[in-house]
């Protein structure tokens, strides 16, 4: 009888430890996601598209690869870079 009780306790203990490990993994992932979100608050991900790339290069790439301009540029940037929208798909800088 003692042997059966011991096995039951051992199995229960294993399940509890597995549940604790799973919760620790969930907490660790949440902490990493929170840290990444906080780190990205100070980075404007669209800045390089606006400031460092010639819009003609981006427009030509979009035309070559059949990607809608709206996927790359928002409405304001399309208006701002209207002069680049007529570029040939084979444009080379």
PDB file of N, CA and C in Angstrom:
ATOM      1  N   UNK A   1       0.817  -1.192   0.000  1.00  0.00           N
ATOM      2  CA  UNK A   1       0.000   0.000   0.000  1.00  0.00           C
ATOM      3  C   UNK A   1       0.862   1.259   0.000  1.00  0.00           C
ATOM      4  N   UNK A   2       1.928   1.253   0.794  1.00  0.00           N
ATOM      5  CA  UNK A   2       2.815   2.400   0.846  1.00  0.00           C
ATOM      6  C   UNK A   2       3.409   2.691  -0.527  1.00  0.00           C
ATOM      7  N   UNK A   3       3.727   1.647  -1.254  1.00  0.00           N
ATOM      8  CA  UNK A   3       4.330   1.774  -2.581  1.00  0.00           C
ATOM      9  C   UNK A   3       3.378   2.479  -3.548  1.00  0.00           C
ATOM     10  N   UNK A   4       2.084   2.153  -3.492  1.00  0.00           N
ATOM     11  CA  UNK A   4       1.081   2.755  -4.368  1.00  0.00           C
ATOM     12  C   UNK A   4       0.918   4.230  -4.035  1.00  0.00           C
ATOM     13  N   UNK A   5       0.860   4.577  -2.780  1.00  0.00           N
ATOM     14  CA  UNK A   5       0.720   5.967  -2.353  1.00  0.00           C
ATOM     15  C   UNK A   5       1.948   6.756  -2.780  1.00  0.00           C
ATOM     16  N   UNK A   6       3.099   6.187  -2.642  1.00  0.00           N
ATOM     17  CA  UNK A   6       4.334   6.859  -3.025  1.00  0.00           C
ATOM     18  C   UNK A   6       4.364   7.140  -4.522  1.00  0.00           C
ATOM     19  N   UNK A   7       3.922   6.177  -5.341  1.00  0.00           N
ATOM     20  CA  UNK A   7       3.876   6.375  -6.792  1.00  0.00           C
ATOM     21  C   UNK A   7       2.899   7.487  -7.165  1.00  0.00           C
ATOM     22  N   UNK A   8       1.768   7.505  -6.514  1.00  0.00           N
ATOM     23  CA  UNK A   8       0.767   8.539  -6.788  1.00  0.00           C
ATOM     24  C   UNK A   8       1.316   9.916  -6.427  1.00  0.00           C
ATOM     25  N   UNK A   9       1.967  10.000  -5.301  1.00  0.00           N
ATOM     26  CA  UNK A   9       2.559  11.282  -4.887  1.00  0.00           C
ATOM     27  C   UNK A   9       3.654  11.713  -5.859  1.00  0.00           C
ATOM     28  N   UNK A  10       4.452  10.758  -6.311  1.00  0.00           N
ATOM     29  CA  UNK A  10       5.531  11.058  -7.240  1.00  0.00           C
ATOM     30  C   UNK A  10       4.982  11.587  -8.562  1.00  0.00           C
ATOM     31  N   UNK A  11       3.938  10.925  -9.077  1.00  0.00           N
ATOM     32  CA  UNK A  11       3.324  11.388 -10.322  1.00  0.00           C
ATOM     33  C   UNK A  11       2.718  12.778 -10.159  1.00  0.00           C
ATOM     34  N   UNK A  12       2.045  12.981  -9.033  1.00  0.00           N
ATOM     35  CA  UNK A  12       1.434  14.290  -8.759  1.00  0.00           C
ATOM     36  C   UNK A  12       2.511  15.363  -8.659  1.00  0.00           C
ATOM     37  N   UNK A  13       3.605  15.044  -8.000  1.00  0.00           N
ATOM     38  CA  UNK A  13       4.710  15.976  -7.848  1.00  0.00           C
ATOM     39  C   UNK A  13       5.330  16.311  -9.207  1.00  0.00           C
ATOM     40  N   UNK A  14       5.453  15.310 -10.074  1.00  0.00           N
ATOM     41  CA  UNK A  14       5.987  15.538 -11.423  1.00  0.00           C
ATOM     42  C   UNK A  14       5.081  16.462 -12.214  1.00  0.00           C
ATOM     43  N   UNK A  15       3.771  16.265 -12.098  1.00  0.00           N
ATOM     44  CA  UNK A  15       2.820  17.132 -12.799  1.00  0.00           C
ATOM     45  C   UNK A  15       2.903  18.567 -12.292  1.00  0.00           C
ATOM     46  N   UNK A  16       3.016  18.719 -10.999  1.00  0.00           N
ATOM     47  CA  UNK A  16       3.116  20.065 -10.409  1.00  0.00           C
ATOM     48  C   UNK A  16       4.388  20.750 -10.889  1.00  0.00           C
ATOM     49  N   UNK A  17       5.500  20.040 -10.897  1.00  0.00           N
ATOM     50  CA  UNK A  17       6.770  20.620 -11.367  1.00  0.00           C
ATOM     51  C   UNK A  17       6.686  20.982 -12.856  1.00  0.00           C
ATOM     52  N   UNK A  18       6.034  20.148 -13.642  1.00  0.00           N
ATOM     53  CA  UNK A  18       5.879  20.446 -15.069  1.00  0.00           C
ATOM     54  C   UNK A  18       5.029  21.699 -15.258  1.00  0.00           C
ATOM     55  N   UNK A  19       3.961  21.832 -14.469  1.00  0.00           N
ATOM     56  CA  UNK A  19       3.105  23.016 -14.559  1.00  0.00           C
ATOM     57  C   UNK A  19       3.871  24.271 -14.147  1.00  0.00           C
ATOM     58  N   UNK A  20       4.674  24.167 -13.117  1.00  0.00           N
ATOM     59  CA  UNK A  20       5.489  25.308 -12.671  1.00  0.00           C
ATOM     60  C   UNK A  20       6.483  25.703 -13.748  1.00  0.00           C
ATOM     61  N   UNK A  21       7.141  24.720 -14.356  1.00  0.00           N
ATOM     62  CA  UNK A  21       8.097  25.005 -15.433  1.00  0.00           C
ATOM     63  C   UNK A  21       7.407  25.676 -16.618  1.00  0.00           C
ATOM     64  N   UNK A  22       6.198  25.212 -16.957  1.00  0.00           N
ATOM     65  CA  UNK A  22       5.451  25.809 -18.066  1.00  0.00           C
ATOM     66  C   UNK A  22       5.107  27.264 -17.756  1.00  0.00           C
ATOM     67  N   UNK A  23       4.672  27.534 -16.542  1.00  0.00           N
ATOM     68  CA  UNK A  23       4.332  28.914 -16.155  1.00  0.00           C
ATOM     69  C   UNK A  23       5.575  29.802 -16.154  1.00  0.00           C
ATOM     70  N   UNK A  24       6.714  29.264 -15.726  1.00  0.00           N
ATOM     71  CA  UNK A  24       7.959  30.033 -15.756  1.00  0.00           C
ATOM     72  C   UNK A  24       8.334  30.398 -17.195  1.00  0.00           C
ATOM     73  N   UNK A  25       8.118  29.468 -18.118  1.00  0.00           N
ATOM     74  CA  UNK A  25       8.415  29.743 -19.529  1.00  0.00           C
ATOM     75  C   UNK A  25       7.495  30.834 -20.070  1.00  0.00           C
ATOM     76  N   UNK A  26       6.230  30.802 -19.692  1.00  0.00           N
ATOM     77  CA  UNK A  26       5.276  31.828 -20.127  1.00  0.00           C
ATOM     78  C   UNK A  26       5.685  33.197 -19.580  1.00  0.00           C
ATOM     79  N   UNK A  27       6.086  33.229 -18.330  1.00  0.00           N
ATOM     80  CA  UNK A  27       6.518  34.491 -17.706  1.00  0.00           C
ATOM     81  C   UNK A  27       7.777  35.015 -18.387  1.00  0.00           C
ATOM     82  N   UNK A  28       8.732  34.132 -18.665  1.00  0.00           N
ATOM     83  CA  UNK A  28       9.972  34.561 -19.331  1.00  0.00           C
ATOM     84  C   UNK A  28       9.680  35.134 -20.711  1.00  0.00           C
ATOM     85  N   UNK A  29       8.790  34.494 -21.459  1.00  0.00           N
ATOM     86  CA  UNK A  29       8.434  34.996 -22.790  1.00  0.00           C
ATOM     87  C   UNK A  29       7.756  36.351 -22.690  1.00  0.00           C
ATOM     88  N   UNK A  30       6.868  36.516 -21.724  1.00  0.00           N
ATOM     89  CA  UNK A  30       6.177  37.798 -21.531  1.00  0.00           C
ATOM     90  C   UNK A  30       7.171  38.899 -21.165  1.00  0.00           C
ATOM     91  N   UNK A  31       8.145  38.582 -20.330  1.00  0.00           N
ATOM     92  CA  UNK A  31       9.167  39.568 -19.961  1.00  0.00           C
ATOM     93  C   UNK A  31       9.990  39.981 -21.173  1.00  0.00           C
ATOM     94  N   UNK A  32      10.363  39.026 -22.012  1.00  0.00           N
ATOM     95  CA  UNK A  32      11.133  39.334 -23.221  1.00  0.00           C
ATOM     96  C   UNK A  32      10.315  40.203 -24.163  1.00  0.00           C
ATOM     97  N   UNK A  33       9.049  39.855 -24.374  1.00  0.00           N
ATOM     98  CA  UNK A  33       8.183  40.647 -25.246  1.00  0.00           C
ATOM     99  C   UNK A  33       8.019  42.068 -24.720  1.00  0.00           C
ATOM    100  N   UNK A  34       7.872  42.213 -23.410  1.00  0.00           N
ATOM    101  CA  UNK A  34       7.739  43.545 -22.817  1.00  0.00           C
ATOM    102  C   UNK A  34       9.021  44.345 -23.011  1.00  0.00           C
ATOM    103  N   UNK A  35      10.162  43.699 -22.852  1.00  0.00           N
ATOM    104  CA  UNK A  35      11.446  44.382 -23.015  1.00  0.00           C
ATOM    105  C   UNK A  35      11.631  44.834 -24.467  1.00  0.00           C
ATOM    106  N   UNK A  36      11.295  43.972 -25.415  1.00  0.00           N
ATOM    107  CA  UNK A  36      11.421  44.311 -26.834  1.00  0.00           C
ATOM    108  C   UNK A  36      10.491  45.472 -27.175  1.00  0.00           C
ATOM    109  N   UNK A  37       9.267  45.418 -26.688  1.00  0.00           N
ATOM    110  CA  UNK A  37       8.311  46.491 -26.943  1.00  0.00           C
ATOM    111  C   UNK A  37       8.819  47.811 -26.392  1.00  0.00           C
ATOM    112  N   UNK A  38       9.380  47.770 -25.198  1.00  0.00           N
ATOM    113  CA  UNK A  38       9.920  48.978 -24.583  1.00  0.00           C
ATOM    114  C   UNK A  38      11.130  49.502 -25.357  1.00  0.00           C
ATOM    115  N   UNK A  39      12.000  48.596 -25.819  1.00  0.00           N
ATOM    116  CA  UNK A  39      13.185  49.011 -26.572  1.00  0.00           C
ATOM    117  C   UNK A  39      12.809  49.640 -27.905  1.00  0.00           C
ATOM    118  N   UNK A  40      11.749  49.160 -28.535  1.00  0.00           N
ATOM    119  CA  UNK A  40      11.360  49.666 -29.852  1.00  0.00           C
ATOM    120  C   UNK A  40      10.589  50.980 -29.786  1.00  0.00           C
ATOM    121  N   UNK A  41      10.219  51.417 -28.596  1.00  0.00           N
ATOM    122  CA  UNK A  41       9.494  52.682 -28.461  1.00  0.00           C
ATOM    123  C   UNK A  41      10.324  53.850 -28.975  1.00  0.00           C
ATOM    124  N   UNK A  42      11.628  53.757 -28.840  1.00  0.00           N
ATOM    125  CA  UNK A  42      12.494  54.867 -29.217  1.00  0.00           C
ATOM    126  C   UNK A  42      12.990  54.780 -30.652  1.00  0.00           C
ATOM    127  N   UNK A  43      12.618  53.725 -31.360  1.00  0.00           N
ATOM    128  CA  UNK A  43      13.084  53.545 -32.727  1.00  0.00           C
ATOM    129  C   UNK A  43      11.918  53.739 -33.687  1.00  0.00           C
ATOM    130  N   UNK A  44      12.073  54.665 -34.609  1.00  0.00           N
ATOM    131  CA  UNK A  44      11.068  54.854 -35.646  1.00  0.00           C
ATOM    132  C   UNK A  44      11.428  53.923 -36.795  1.00  0.00           C
ATOM    133  N   UNK A  45      10.669  52.864 -36.949  1.00  0.00           N
ATOM    134  CA  UNK A  45      11.020  51.833 -37.923  1.00  0.00           C
ATOM    135  C   UNK A  45      10.922  52.310 -39.361  1.00  0.00           C
ATOM    136  N   UNK A  46      10.141  53.353 -39.639  1.00  0.00           N
ATOM    137  CA  UNK A  46      10.011  53.872 -40.992  1.00  0.00           C
ATOM    138  C   UNK A  46      11.011  54.952 -41.329  1.00  0.00           C
ATOM    139  N   UNK A  47      11.849  55.335 -40.390  1.00  0.00           N
ATOM    140  CA  UNK A  47      12.777  56.446 -40.602  1.00  0.00           C
ATOM    141  C   UNK A  47      13.709  56.204 -41.783  1.00  0.00           C
ATOM    142  N   UNK A  48      14.255  55.008 -41.916  1.00  0.00           N
ATOM    143  CA  UNK A  48      15.197  54.768 -43.005  1.00  0.00           C
ATOM    144  C   UNK A  48      14.518  54.881 -44.358  1.00  0.00           C
ATOM    145  N   UNK A  49      13.250  54.471 -44.434  1.00  0.00           N
ATOM    146  CA  UNK A  49      12.523  54.589 -45.699  1.00  0.00           C
ATOM    147  C   UNK A  49      12.388  56.045 -46.102  1.00  0.00           C
ATOM    148  N   UNK A  50      12.180  56.903 -45.140  1.00  0.00           N
ATOM    149  CA  UNK A  50      11.950  58.318 -45.428  1.00  0.00           C
ATOM    150  C   UNK A  50      13.262  59.076 -45.630  1.00  0.00           C
ATOM    151  N   UNK A  51      14.211  58.879 -44.744  1.00  0.00           N
ATOM    152  CA  UNK A  51      15.394  59.733 -44.725  1.00  0.00           C
ATOM    153  C   UNK A  51      16.597  59.219 -45.516  1.00  0.00           C
ATOM    154  N   UNK A  52      16.756  57.939 -45.633  1.00  0.00           N
ATOM    155  CA  UNK A  52      18.004  57.427 -46.171  1.00  0.00           C
ATOM    156  C   UNK A  52      17.896  56.760 -47.543  1.00  0.00           C
ATOM    157  N   UNK A  53      16.698  56.388 -47.959  1.00  0.00           N
ATOM    158  CA  UNK A  53      16.540  55.762 -49.266  1.00  0.00           C
ATOM    159  C   UNK A  53      15.951  56.754 -50.259  1.00  0.00           C
ATOM    160  N   UNK A  54      16.516  56.775 -51.442  1.00  0.00           N
ATOM    161  CA  UNK A  54      15.943  57.583 -52.513  1.00  0.00           C
ATOM    162  C   UNK A  54      14.600  56.949 -52.868  1.00  0.00           C
ATOM    163  N   UNK A  55      13.515  57.712 -52.822  1.00  0.00           N
ATOM    164  CA  UNK A  55      12.199  57.116 -53.087  1.00  0.00           C
ATOM    165  C   UNK A  55      12.092  56.514 -54.487  1.00  0.00           C
ATOM    166  N   UNK A  56      12.887  56.978 -55.434  1.00  0.00           N
ATOM    167  CA  UNK A  56      12.844  56.401 -56.778  1.00  0.00           C
ATOM    168  C   UNK A  56      13.286  54.944 -56.763  1.00  0.00           C
ATOM    169  N   UNK A  57      14.248  54.625 -55.909  1.00  0.00           N
ATOM    170  CA  UNK A  57      14.720  53.242 -55.797  1.00  0.00           C
ATOM    171  C   UNK A  57      13.605  52.362 -55.242  1.00  0.00           C
ATOM    172  N   UNK A  58      12.943  52.850 -54.201  1.00  0.00           N
ATOM    173  CA  UNK A  58      11.856  52.094 -53.586  1.00  0.00           C
ATOM    174  C   UNK A  58      10.690  51.924 -54.552  1.00  0.00           C
ATOM    175  N   UNK A  59      10.329  52.988 -55.275  1.00  0.00           N
ATOM    176  CA  UNK A  59       9.218  52.924 -56.228  1.00  0.00           C
ATOM    177  C   UNK A  59       9.550  51.942 -57.354  1.00  0.00           C
ATOM    178  N   UNK A  60      10.775  51.994 -57.875  1.00  0.00           N
ATOM    179  CA  UNK A  60      11.179  51.068 -58.935  1.00  0.00           C
ATOM    180  C   UNK A  60      11.116  49.622 -58.437  1.00  0.00           C
ATOM    181  N   UNK A  61      11.576  49.385 -57.217  1.00  0.00           N
ATOM    182  CA  UNK A  61      11.523  48.035 -56.652  1.00  0.00           C
ATOM    183  C   UNK A  61      10.072  47.568 -56.531  1.00  0.00           C
ATOM    184  N   UNK A  62       9.205  48.449 -56.052  1.00  0.00           N
ATOM    185  CA  UNK A  62       7.782  48.092 -55.918  1.00  0.00           C
ATOM    186  C   UNK A  62       7.182  47.727 -57.271  1.00  0.00           C
ATOM    187  N   UNK A  63       7.519  48.498 -58.287  1.00  0.00           N
ATOM    188  CA  UNK A  63       6.973  48.219 -59.617  1.00  0.00           C
ATOM    189  C   UNK A  63       7.507  46.905 -60.171  1.00  0.00           C
ATOM    190  N   UNK A  64       8.817  46.648 -59.980  1.00  0.00           N
ATOM    191  CA  UNK A  64       9.421  45.403 -60.470  1.00  0.00           C
ATOM    192  C   UNK A  64       8.820  44.177 -59.795  1.00  0.00           C
ATOM    193  N   UNK A  65       8.526  44.302 -58.507  1.00  0.00           N
ATOM    194  CA  UNK A  65       8.044  43.167 -57.726  1.00  0.00           C
ATOM    195  C   UNK A  65       6.535  43.182 -57.507  1.00  0.00           C
ATOM    196  N   UNK A  66       5.844  44.093 -58.191  1.00  0.00           N
ATOM    197  CA  UNK A  66       4.392  44.202 -58.120  1.00  0.00           C
ATOM    198  C   UNK A  66       3.886  44.344 -56.681  1.00  0.00           C
ATOM    199  N   UNK A  67       4.554  45.186 -55.917  1.00  0.00           N
ATOM    200  CA  UNK A  67       4.150  45.482 -54.550  1.00  0.00           C
ATOM    201  C   UNK A  67       3.451  46.841 -54.552  1.00  0.00           C
ATOM    202  N   UNK A  68       2.246  46.926 -54.013  1.00  0.00           N
ATOM    203  CA  UNK A  68       1.555  48.218 -53.991  1.00  0.00           C
ATOM    204  C   UNK A  68       2.331  49.253 -53.176  1.00  0.00           C
ATOM    205  N   UNK A  69       2.371  50.479 -53.667  1.00  0.00           N
ATOM    206  CA  UNK A  69       3.095  51.556 -52.973  1.00  0.00           C
ATOM    207  C   UNK A  69       2.572  51.746 -51.543  1.00  0.00           C
ATOM    208  N   UNK A  70       1.278  51.501 -51.354  1.00  0.00           N
ATOM    209  CA  UNK A  70       0.662  51.703 -50.040  1.00  0.00           C
ATOM    210  C   UNK A  70       1.225  50.765 -48.982  1.00  0.00           C
ATOM    211  N   UNK A  71       1.853  49.671 -49.420  1.00  0.00           N
ATOM    212  CA  UNK A  71       2.474  48.748 -48.469  1.00  0.00           C
ATOM    213  C   UNK A  71       3.784  49.317 -47.923  1.00  0.00           C
ATOM    214  N   UNK A  72       4.415  50.203 -48.684  1.00  0.00           N
ATOM    215  CA  UNK A  72       5.707  50.762 -48.298  1.00  0.00           C
ATOM    216  C   UNK A  72       5.562  52.188 -47.778  1.00  0.00           C
ATOM    217  N   UNK A  73       4.816  53.000 -48.513  1.00  0.00           N
ATOM    218  CA  UNK A  73       4.635  54.405 -48.155  1.00  0.00           C
ATOM    219  C   UNK A  73       3.213  54.648 -47.675  1.00  0.00           C
ATOM    220  N   UNK A  74       3.071  55.473 -46.629  1.00  0.00           N
ATOM    221  CA  UNK A  74       1.718  55.871 -46.242  1.00  0.00           C
ATOM    222  C   UNK A  74       1.242  56.982 -47.180  1.00  0.00           C
ATOM    223  N   UNK A  75      -0.007  57.412 -47.031  1.00  0.00           N
ATOM    224  CA  UNK A  75      -0.604  58.395 -47.941  1.00  0.00           C
ATOM    225  C   UNK A  75       0.186  59.702 -47.983  1.00  0.00           C
ATOM    226  N   UNK A  76       0.650  60.149 -46.834  1.00  0.00           N
ATOM    227  CA  UNK A  76       1.412  61.394 -46.751  1.00  0.00           C
ATOM    228  C   UNK A  76       2.707  61.298 -47.546  1.00  0.00           C
ATOM    229  N   UNK A  77       3.402  60.173 -47.432  1.00  0.00           N
ATOM    230  CA  UNK A  77       4.667  60.015 -48.153  1.00  0.00           C
ATOM    231  C   UNK A  77       4.440  59.872 -49.650  1.00  0.00           C
ATOM    232  N   UNK A  78       3.347  59.230 -50.038  1.00  0.00           N
ATOM    233  CA  UNK A  78       3.040  59.146 -51.469  1.00  0.00           C
ATOM    234  C   UNK A  78       2.824  60.543 -52.030  1.00  0.00           C
ATOM    235  N   UNK A  79       2.135  61.398 -51.273  1.00  0.00           N
ATOM    236  CA  UNK A  79       1.930  62.785 -51.699  1.00  0.00           C
ATOM    237  C   UNK A  79       3.255  63.543 -51.711  1.00  0.00           C
ATOM    238  N   UNK A  80       4.081  63.320 -50.701  1.00  0.00           N
ATOM    239  CA  UNK A  80       5.368  64.008 -50.603  1.00  0.00           C
ATOM    240  C   UNK A  80       6.311  63.592 -51.737  1.00  0.00           C
ATOM    241  N   UNK A  81       6.293  62.329 -52.097  1.00  0.00           N
ATOM    242  CA  UNK A  81       7.201  61.818 -53.120  1.00  0.00           C
ATOM    243  C   UNK A  81       6.496  61.618 -54.469  1.00  0.00           C
ATOM    244  N   UNK A  82       5.509  62.446 -54.768  1.00  0.00           N
ATOM    245  CA  UNK A  82       4.767  62.310 -56.026  1.00  0.00           C
ATOM    246  C   UNK A  82       5.706  62.329 -57.226  1.00  0.00           C
ATOM    247  N   UNK A  83       6.788  63.080 -57.128  1.00  0.00           N
ATOM    248  CA  UNK A  83       7.746  63.214 -58.227  1.00  0.00           C
ATOM    249  C   UNK A  83       8.471  61.898 -58.517  1.00  0.00           C
ATOM    250  N   UNK A  84       8.495  60.979 -57.565  1.00  0.00           N
ATOM    251  CA  UNK A  84       9.207  59.711 -57.755  1.00  0.00           C
ATOM    252  C   UNK A  84       8.292  58.597 -58.270  1.00  0.00           C
ATOM    253  N   UNK A  85       6.996  58.828 -58.286  1.00  0.00           N
ATOM    254  CA  UNK A  85       6.047  57.767 -58.620  1.00  0.00           C
ATOM    255  C   UNK A  85       6.061  57.381 -60.101  1.00  0.00           C
ATOM    256  N   UNK A  86       6.590  58.243 -60.971  1.00  0.00           N
ATOM    257  CA  UNK A  86       6.601  57.954 -62.406  1.00  0.00           C
ATOM    258  C   UNK A  86       7.902  57.293 -62.872  1.00  0.00           C
ATOM    259  N   UNK A  87       8.729  56.860 -61.948  1.00  0.00           N
ATOM    260  CA  UNK A  87      10.019  56.276 -62.298  1.00  0.00           C
ATOM    261  C   UNK A  87       9.818  54.934 -63.017  1.00  0.00           C
ATOM    262  N   UNK A  88      10.737  54.613 -63.900  1.00  0.00           N
ATOM    263  CA  UNK A  88      10.713  53.362 -64.659  1.00  0.00           C
ATOM    264  C   UNK A  88      11.072  52.205 -63.713  1.00  0.00           C
ATOM    265  N   UNK A  89      10.462  51.028 -63.868  1.00  0.00           N
ATOM    266  CA  UNK A  89      10.790  49.876 -63.002  1.00  0.00           C
ATOM    267  C   UNK A  89      12.264  49.452 -63.089  1.00  0.00           C
ATOM    268  N   UNK A  90      12.954  49.812 -64.177  1.00  0.00           N
ATOM    269  CA  UNK A  90      14.360  49.450 -64.321  1.00  0.00           C
ATOM    270  C   UNK A  90      15.307  50.549 -63.851  1.00  0.00           C
ATOM    271  N   UNK A  91      14.801  51.484 -63.054  1.00  0.00           N
ATOM    272  CA  UNK A  91      15.610  52.610 -62.583  1.00  0.00           C
ATOM    273  C   UNK A  91      16.845  52.113 -61.828  1.00  0.00           C
ATOM    274  N   UNK A  92      18.001  52.711 -62.155  1.00  0.00           N
ATOM    275  CA  UNK A  92      19.265  52.430 -61.442  1.00  0.00           C
ATOM    276  C   UNK A  92      19.793  53.749 -60.926  1.00  0.00           C
ATOM    277  N   UNK A  93      20.221  53.770 -59.687  1.00  0.00           N
ATOM    278  CA  UNK A  93      20.753  54.978 -59.063  1.00  0.00           C
ATOM    279  C   UNK A  93      22.187  55.178 -59.476  1.00  0.00           C
TER     280      UNK A  93
END
